[in-house]
Amino acid sequence: DTEAQQALVDALGNDPRAMAGALAQLLSDVSGR
């Protein structure tokens, strides 16, 4: 969801590596959208 993308940027956007790592973890942990 677009709101989820923005929330991730708001939380970790100052550290792109941490942001990408968090997204990778979400993709691994969450099934579906």
PDB file of all heavy atoms in Angstrom:
ATOM      1  N   ASP A   1       0.827  -1.204   0.000  1.00  0.00           N
ATOM      2  CA  ASP A   1       0.000   0.000   0.000  1.00  0.00           C
ATOM      3  C   ASP A   1       0.862   1.255   0.000  1.00  0.00           C
ATOM      4  O   ASP A   1       1.948   1.288   0.610  1.00  0.00           O
ATOM      5  CB  ASP A   1      -0.912   0.022   1.230  1.00  0.00           C
ATOM      6  CG  ASP A   1      -2.039  -1.002   1.139  1.00  0.00           C
ATOM      7  OD1 ASP A   1      -2.244  -1.553   0.038  1.00  0.00           O
ATOM      8  OD2 ASP A   1      -2.689  -1.262   2.171  1.00  0.00           O
ATOM      9  N   THR A   2       0.386   2.290  -0.681  1.00  0.00           N
ATOM     10  CA  THR A   2       1.150   3.537  -0.768  1.00  0.00           C
ATOM     11  C   THR A   2       1.364   4.168   0.611  1.00  0.00           C
ATOM     12  O   THR A   2       2.420   4.742   0.885  1.00  0.00           O
ATOM     13  CB  THR A   2       0.438   4.533  -1.693  1.00  0.00           C
ATOM     14  OG1 THR A   2      -0.919   4.695  -1.255  1.00  0.00           O
ATOM     15  CG2 THR A   2       0.438   4.026  -3.126  1.00  0.00           C
ATOM     16  N   GLU A   3       0.356   4.051   1.501  1.00  0.00           N
ATOM     17  CA  GLU A   3       0.522   4.595   2.855  1.00  0.00           C
ATOM     18  C   GLU A   3       1.615   3.841   3.613  1.00  0.00           C
ATOM     19  O   GLU A   3       2.347   4.435   4.408  1.00  0.00           O
ATOM     20  CB  GLU A   3      -0.795   4.503   3.621  1.00  0.00           C
ATOM     21  CG  GLU A   3      -1.917   5.366   3.054  1.00  0.00           C
ATOM     22  CD  GLU A   3      -2.709   4.638   1.976  1.00  0.00           C
ATOM     23  OE1 GLU A   3      -2.279   3.530   1.570  1.00  0.00           O
ATOM     24  OE2 GLU A   3      -3.736   5.189   1.535  1.00  0.00           O
ATOM     25  N   ALA A   4       1.717   2.553   3.353  1.00  0.00           N
ATOM     26  CA  ALA A   4       2.763   1.757   3.998  1.00  0.00           C
ATOM     27  C   ALA A   4       4.142   2.160   3.491  1.00  0.00           C
ATOM     28  O   ALA A   4       5.112   2.246   4.258  1.00  0.00           O
ATOM     29  CB  ALA A   4       2.517   0.271   3.744  1.00  0.00           C
ATOM     30  N   GLN A   5       4.245   2.422   2.182  1.00  0.00           N
ATOM     31  CA  GLN A   5       5.519   2.869   1.632  1.00  0.00           C
ATOM     32  C   GLN A   5       5.941   4.192   2.264  1.00  0.00           C
ATOM     33  O   GLN A   5       7.094   4.365   2.657  1.00  0.00           O
ATOM     34  CB  GLN A   5       5.408   3.028   0.118  1.00  0.00           C
ATOM     35  CG  GLN A   5       5.160   1.726  -0.623  1.00  0.00           C
ATOM     36  CD  GLN A   5       5.071   1.933  -2.125  1.00  0.00           C
ATOM     37  OE1 GLN A   5       5.745   2.786  -2.686  1.00  0.00           O
ATOM     38  NE2 GLN A   5       4.219   1.147  -2.782  1.00  0.00           N
ATOM     39  N   GLN A   6       5.011   5.116   2.361  1.00  0.00           N
ATOM     40  CA  GLN A   6       5.340   6.421   2.931  1.00  0.00           C
ATOM     41  C   GLN A   6       5.722   6.300   4.404  1.00  0.00           C
ATOM     42  O   GLN A   6       6.638   6.983   4.878  1.00  0.00           O
ATOM     43  CB  GLN A   6       4.165   7.386   2.776  1.00  0.00           C
ATOM     44  CG  GLN A   6       4.479   8.814   3.200  1.00  0.00           C
ATOM     45  CD  GLN A   6       5.564   9.440   2.337  1.00  0.00           C
ATOM     46  OE1 GLN A   6       5.440   9.465   1.115  1.00  0.00           O
ATOM     47  NE2 GLN A   6       6.614   9.947   2.967  1.00  0.00           N
ATOM     48  N   ALA A   7       5.040   5.440   5.138  1.00  0.00           N
ATOM     49  CA  ALA A   7       5.366   5.247   6.555  1.00  0.00           C
ATOM     50  C   ALA A   7       6.783   4.721   6.724  1.00  0.00           C
ATOM     51  O   ALA A   7       7.505   5.118   7.653  1.00  0.00           O
ATOM     52  CB  ALA A   7       4.363   4.287   7.199  1.00  0.00           C
ATOM     53  N   LEU A   8       7.191   3.834   5.817  1.00  0.00           N
ATOM     54  CA  LEU A   8       8.551   3.295   5.885  1.00  0.00           C
ATOM     55  C   LEU A   8       9.572   4.389   5.595  1.00  0.00           C
ATOM     56  O   LEU A   8      10.615   4.478   6.266  1.00  0.00           O
ATOM     57  CB  LEU A   8       8.693   2.147   4.883  1.00  0.00           C
ATOM     58  CG  LEU A   8       9.890   1.204   5.068  1.00  0.00           C
ATOM     59  CD1 LEU A   8       9.902   0.578   6.454  1.00  0.00           C
ATOM     60  CD2 LEU A   8       9.862   0.117   3.990  1.00  0.00           C
ATOM     61  N   VAL A   9       9.286   5.231   4.631  1.00  0.00           N
ATOM     62  CA  VAL A   9      10.181   6.353   4.335  1.00  0.00           C
ATOM     63  C   VAL A   9      10.238   7.324   5.510  1.00  0.00           C
ATOM     64  O   VAL A   9      11.307   7.803   5.896  1.00  0.00           O
ATOM     65  CB  VAL A   9       9.725   7.082   3.052  1.00  0.00           C
ATOM     66  CG1 VAL A   9      10.494   8.391   2.869  1.00  0.00           C
ATOM     67  CG2 VAL A   9       9.931   6.186   1.843  1.00  0.00           C
ATOM     68  N   ASP A  10       9.082   7.636   6.095  1.00  0.00           N
ATOM     69  CA  ASP A  10       9.045   8.564   7.228  1.00  0.00           C
ATOM     70  C   ASP A  10       9.864   8.041   8.403  1.00  0.00           C
ATOM     71  O   ASP A  10      10.530   8.810   9.109  1.00  0.00           O
ATOM     72  CB  ASP A  10       7.602   8.796   7.671  1.00  0.00           C
ATOM     73  CG  ASP A  10       6.780   9.582   6.651  1.00  0.00           C
ATOM     74  OD1 ASP A  10       7.393  10.224   5.775  1.00  0.00           O
ATOM     75  OD2 ASP A  10       5.538   9.530   6.729  1.00  0.00           O
ATOM     76  N   ALA A  11       9.825   6.727   8.605  1.00  0.00           N
ATOM     77  CA  ALA A  11      10.492   6.146   9.768  1.00  0.00           C
ATOM     78  C   ALA A  11      11.991   5.965   9.554  1.00  0.00           C
ATOM     79  O   ALA A  11      12.790   6.210  10.464  1.00  0.00           O
ATOM     80  CB  ALA A  11       9.856   4.794  10.107  1.00  0.00           C
ATOM     81  N   LEU A  12      12.391   5.545   8.348  1.00  0.00           N
ATOM     82  CA  LEU A  12      13.786   5.131   8.138  1.00  0.00           C
ATOM     83  C   LEU A  12      14.439   5.784   6.930  1.00  0.00           C
ATOM     84  O   LEU A  12      15.554   5.404   6.549  1.00  0.00           O
ATOM     85  CB  LEU A  12      13.851   3.604   7.978  1.00  0.00           C
ATOM     86  CG  LEU A  12      13.409   2.786   9.193  1.00  0.00           C
ATOM     87  CD1 LEU A  12      13.304   1.304   8.823  1.00  0.00           C
ATOM     88  CD2 LEU A  12      14.389   2.962  10.342  1.00  0.00           C
ATOM     89  N   GLY A  13      13.794   6.755   6.341  1.00  0.00           N
ATOM     90  CA  GLY A  13      14.321   7.362   5.119  1.00  0.00           C
ATOM     91  C   GLY A  13      15.666   8.025   5.269  1.00  0.00           C
ATOM     92  O   GLY A  13      16.392   8.196   4.282  1.00  0.00           O
ATOM     93  N   ASN A  14      16.035   8.408   6.478  1.00  0.00           N
ATOM     94  CA  ASN A  14      17.352   9.025   6.678  1.00  0.00           C
ATOM     95  C   ASN A  14      18.488   8.025   6.553  1.00  0.00           C
ATOM     96  O   ASN A  14      19.658   8.428   6.485  1.00  0.00           O
ATOM     97  CB  ASN A  14      17.420   9.712   8.051  1.00  0.00           C
ATOM     98  CG  ASN A  14      16.553  10.951   8.113  1.00  0.00           C
ATOM     99  OD1 ASN A  14      16.294  11.599   7.091  1.00  0.00           O
ATOM    100  ND2 ASN A  14      16.090  11.291   9.310  1.00  0.00           N
ATOM    101  N   ASP A  15      18.180   6.748   6.562  1.00  0.00           N
ATOM    102  CA  ASP A  15      19.187   5.695   6.440  1.00  0.00           C
ATOM    103  C   ASP A  15      18.724   4.699   5.377  1.00  0.00           C
ATOM    104  O   ASP A  15      17.998   3.753   5.675  1.00  0.00           O
ATOM    105  CB  ASP A  15      19.371   4.989   7.786  1.00  0.00           C
ATOM    106  CG  ASP A  15      20.507   3.980   7.775  1.00  0.00           C
ATOM    107  OD1 ASP A  15      20.944   3.577   6.675  1.00  0.00           O
ATOM    108  OD2 ASP A  15      20.959   3.585   8.868  1.00  0.00           O
ATOM    109  N   PRO A  16      19.099   4.910   4.105  1.00  0.00           N
ATOM    110  CA  PRO A  16      18.593   4.046   3.033  1.00  0.00           C
ATOM    111  C   PRO A  16      18.877   2.564   3.250  1.00  0.00           C
ATOM    112  O   PRO A  16      18.055   1.718   2.897  1.00  0.00           O
ATOM    113  CB  PRO A  16      19.323   4.575   1.787  1.00  0.00           C
ATOM    114  CG  PRO A  16      19.600   6.010   2.098  1.00  0.00           C
ATOM    115  CD  PRO A  16      19.908   6.029   3.570  1.00  0.00           C
ATOM    116  N   ARG A  17      20.022   2.228   3.849  1.00  0.00           N
ATOM    117  CA  ARG A  17      20.316   0.810   4.088  1.00  0.00           C
ATOM    118  C   ARG A  17      19.322   0.216   5.083  1.00  0.00           C
ATOM    119  O   ARG A  17      18.825  -0.898   4.895  1.00  0.00           O
ATOM    120  CB  ARG A  17      21.743   0.645   4.610  1.00  0.00           C
ATOM    121  CG  ARG A  17      22.830   0.917   3.578  1.00  0.00           C
ATOM    122  CD  ARG A  17      24.188   0.599   4.178  1.00  0.00           C
ATOM    123  NE  ARG A  17      25.275   0.992   3.324  1.00  0.00           N
ATOM    124  CZ  ARG A  17      25.769   0.266   2.322  1.00  0.00           C
ATOM    125  NH1 ARG A  17      25.225  -0.907   2.066  1.00  0.00           N
ATOM    126  NH2 ARG A  17      26.775   0.701   1.592  1.00  0.00           N
ATOM    127  N   ALA A  18      19.053   0.960   6.162  1.00  0.00           N
ATOM    128  CA  ALA A  18      18.092   0.475   7.151  1.00  0.00           C
ATOM    129  C   ALA A  18      16.698   0.382   6.538  1.00  0.00           C
ATOM    130  O   ALA A  18      15.943  -0.563   6.817  1.00  0.00           O
ATOM    131  CB  ALA A  18      18.090   1.389   8.372  1.00  0.00           C
ATOM    132  N   MET A  19      16.346   1.343   5.712  1.00  0.00           N
ATOM    133  CA  MET A  19      15.040   1.324   5.057  1.00  0.00           C
ATOM    134  C   MET A  19      14.909   0.103   4.142  1.00  0.00           C
ATOM    135  O   MET A  19      13.893  -0.603   4.180  1.00  0.00           O
ATOM    136  CB  MET A  19      14.874   2.612   4.245  1.00  0.00           C
ATOM    137  CG  MET A  19      13.526   2.754   3.561  1.00  0.00           C
ATOM    138  SD  MET A  19      13.415   4.290   2.585  1.00  0.00           S
ATOM    139  CE  MET A  19      14.484   3.845   1.190  1.00  0.00           C
ATOM    140  N   ALA A  20      15.942  -0.150   3.350  1.00  0.00           N
ATOM    141  CA  ALA A  20      15.912  -1.313   2.459  1.00  0.00           C
ATOM    142  C   ALA A  20      15.908  -2.612   3.249  1.00  0.00           C
ATOM    143  O   ALA A  20      15.246  -3.583   2.876  1.00  0.00           O
ATOM    144  CB  ALA A  20      17.107  -1.271   1.509  1.00  0.00           C
ATOM    145  N   GLY A  21      16.653  -2.635   4.359  1.00  0.00           N
ATOM    146  CA  GLY A  21      16.660  -3.823   5.211  1.00  0.00           C
ATOM    147  C   GLY A  21      15.305  -4.092   5.827  1.00  0.00           C
ATOM    148  O   GLY A  21      14.859  -5.244   5.918  1.00  0.00           O
ATOM    149  N   ALA A  22      14.628  -3.021   6.261  1.00  0.00           N
ATOM    150  CA  ALA A  22      13.295  -3.175   6.840  1.00  0.00           C
ATOM    151  C   ALA A  22      12.309  -3.689   5.801  1.00  0.00           C
ATOM    152  O   ALA A  22      11.460  -4.556   6.084  1.00  0.00           O
ATOM    153  CB  ALA A  22      12.821  -1.844   7.409  1.00  0.00           C
ATOM    154  N   LEU A  23      12.413  -3.173   4.584  1.00  0.00           N
ATOM    155  CA  LEU A  23      11.523  -3.639   3.524  1.00  0.00           C
ATOM    156  C   LEU A  23      11.771  -5.115   3.224  1.00  0.00           C
ATOM    157  O   LEU A  23      10.821  -5.891   3.061  1.00  0.00           O
ATOM    158  CB  LEU A  23      11.724  -2.804   2.256  1.00  0.00           C
ATOM    159  CG  LEU A  23      10.902  -3.245   1.045  1.00  0.00           C
ATOM    160  CD1 LEU A  23       9.408  -3.212   1.353  1.00  0.00           C
ATOM    161  CD2 LEU A  23      11.222  -2.376  -0.167  1.00  0.00           C
ATOM    162  N   ALA A  24      13.038  -5.503   3.171  1.00  0.00           N
ATOM    163  CA  ALA A  24      13.355  -6.912   2.927  1.00  0.00           C
ATOM    164  C   ALA A  24      12.757  -7.796   4.016  1.00  0.00           C
ATOM    165  O   ALA A  24      12.244  -8.893   3.737  1.00  0.00           O
ATOM    166  CB  ALA A  24      14.868  -7.099   2.846  1.00  0.00           C
ATOM    167  N   GLN A  25      12.806  -7.324   5.264  1.00  0.00           N
ATOM    168  CA  GLN A  25      12.241  -8.098   6.364  1.00  0.00           C
ATOM    169  C   GLN A  25      10.723  -8.190   6.232  1.00  0.00           C
ATOM    170  O   GLN A  25      10.125  -9.255   6.462  1.00  0.00           O
ATOM    171  CB  GLN A  25      12.611  -7.452   7.693  1.00  0.00           C
ATOM    172  CG  GLN A  25      12.290  -8.301   8.911  1.00  0.00           C
ATOM    173  CD  GLN A  25      13.128  -9.562   8.962  1.00  0.00           C
ATOM    174  OE1 GLN A  25      14.344  -9.504   8.859  1.00  0.00           O
ATOM    175  NE2 GLN A  25      12.492 -10.716   9.107  1.00  0.00           N
ATOM    176  N   LEU A  26      10.091  -7.089   5.860  1.00  0.00           N
ATOM    177  CA  LEU A  26       8.641  -7.104   5.669  1.00  0.00           C
ATOM    178  C   LEU A  26       8.247  -8.052   4.537  1.00  0.00           C
ATOM    179  O   LEU A  26       7.276  -8.803   4.649  1.00  0.00           O
ATOM    180  CB  LEU A  26       8.142  -5.688   5.364  1.00  0.00           C
ATOM    181  CG  LEU A  26       8.062  -4.728   6.556  1.00  0.00           C
ATOM    182  CD1 LEU A  26       7.951  -3.293   6.080  1.00  0.00           C
ATOM    183  CD2 LEU A  26       6.879  -5.092   7.452  1.00  0.00           C
ATOM    184  N   LEU A  27       8.999  -8.025   3.446  1.00  0.00           N
ATOM    185  CA  LEU A  27       8.699  -8.922   2.327  1.00  0.00           C
ATOM    186  C   LEU A  27       8.847 -10.375   2.732  1.00  0.00           C
ATOM    187  O   LEU A  27       8.144 -11.256   2.228  1.00  0.00           O
ATOM    188  CB  LEU A  27       9.622  -8.604   1.145  1.00  0.00           C
ATOM    189  CG  LEU A  27       9.350  -7.282   0.420  1.00  0.00           C
ATOM    190  CD1 LEU A  27      10.500  -6.950  -0.526  1.00  0.00           C
ATOM    191  CD2 LEU A  27       8.032  -7.346  -0.346  1.00  0.00           C
ATOM    192  N   SER A  28       9.766 -10.626   3.658  1.00  0.00           N
ATOM    193  CA  SER A  28       9.974 -11.994   4.134  1.00  0.00           C
ATOM    194  C   SER A  28       8.897 -12.423   5.125  1.00  0.00           C
ATOM    195  O   SER A  28       8.421 -13.565   5.087  1.00  0.00           O
ATOM    196  CB  SER A  28      11.357 -12.111   4.785  1.00  0.00           C
ATOM    197  OG  SER A  28      11.535 -13.364   5.394  1.00  0.00           O
ATOM    198  N   ASP A  29       8.494 -11.496   6.007  1.00  0.00           N
ATOM    199  CA  ASP A  29       7.612 -11.860   7.117  1.00  0.00           C
ATOM    200  C   ASP A  29       6.122 -11.808   6.767  1.00  0.00           C
ATOM    201  O   ASP A  29       5.314 -12.528   7.364  1.00  0.00           O
ATOM    202  CB  ASP A  29       7.861 -10.923   8.304  1.00  0.00           C
ATOM    203  CG  ASP A  29       9.224 -11.144   8.941  1.00  0.00           C
ATOM    204  OD1 ASP A  29       9.875 -12.156   8.618  1.00  0.00           O
ATOM    205  OD2 ASP A  29       9.645 -10.292   9.743  1.00  0.00           O
ATOM    206  N   VAL A  30       5.754 -10.930   5.839  1.00  0.00           N
ATOM    207  CA  VAL A  30       4.336 -10.692   5.546  1.00  0.00           C
ATOM    208  C   VAL A  30       3.942 -11.437   4.278  1.00  0.00           C
ATOM    209  O   VAL A  30       4.600 -11.313   3.244  1.00  0.00           O
ATOM    210  CB  VAL A  30       4.060  -9.182   5.368  1.00  0.00           C
ATOM    211  CG1 VAL A  30       2.592  -8.954   5.005  1.00  0.00           C
ATOM    212  CG2 VAL A  30       4.427  -8.422   6.646  1.00  0.00           C
ATOM    213  N   SER A  31       2.884 -12.217   4.370  1.00  0.00           N
ATOM    214  CA  SER A  31       2.349 -12.873   3.180  1.00  0.00           C
ATOM    215  C   SER A  31       1.265 -11.981   2.588  1.00  0.00           C
ATOM    216  O   SER A  31       0.488 -11.354   3.309  1.00  0.00           O
ATOM    217  CB  SER A  31       1.770 -14.246   3.523  1.00  0.00           C
ATOM    218  OG  SER A  31       0.742 -14.128   4.485  1.00  0.00           O
ATOM    219  N   GLY A  32       1.233 -11.890   1.265  1.00  0.00           N
ATOM    220  CA  GLY A  32       0.244 -11.045   0.624  1.00  0.00           C
ATOM    221  C   GLY A  32       0.670  -9.589   0.601  1.00  0.00           C
ATOM    222  O   GLY A  32       1.845  -9.247   0.731  1.00  0.00           O
ATOM    223  N   ARG A  33      -0.295  -8.718   0.465  1.00  0.00           N
ATOM    224  CA  ARG A  33      -0.049  -7.283   0.331  1.00  0.00           C
ATOM    225  C   ARG A  33       0.428  -6.692   1.663  1.00  0.00           C
ATOM    226  O   ARG A  33      -0.113  -7.002   2.724  1.00  0.00           O
ATOM    227  CB  ARG A  33      -1.344  -6.592  -0.121  1.00  0.00           C
ATOM    228  CG  ARG A  33      -1.177  -5.140  -0.523  1.00  0.00           C
ATOM    229  CD  ARG A  33      -2.518  -4.545  -0.925  1.00  0.00           C
ATOM    230  NE  ARG A  33      -2.342  -3.234  -1.539  1.00  0.00           N
ATOM    231  CZ  ARG A  33      -2.219  -3.036  -2.846  1.00  0.00           C
ATOM    232  NH1 ARG A  33      -2.273  -4.080  -3.668  1.00  0.00           N
ATOM    233  NH2 ARG A  33      -2.053  -1.818  -3.337  1.00  0.00           N
TER     234      ARG A  33
END
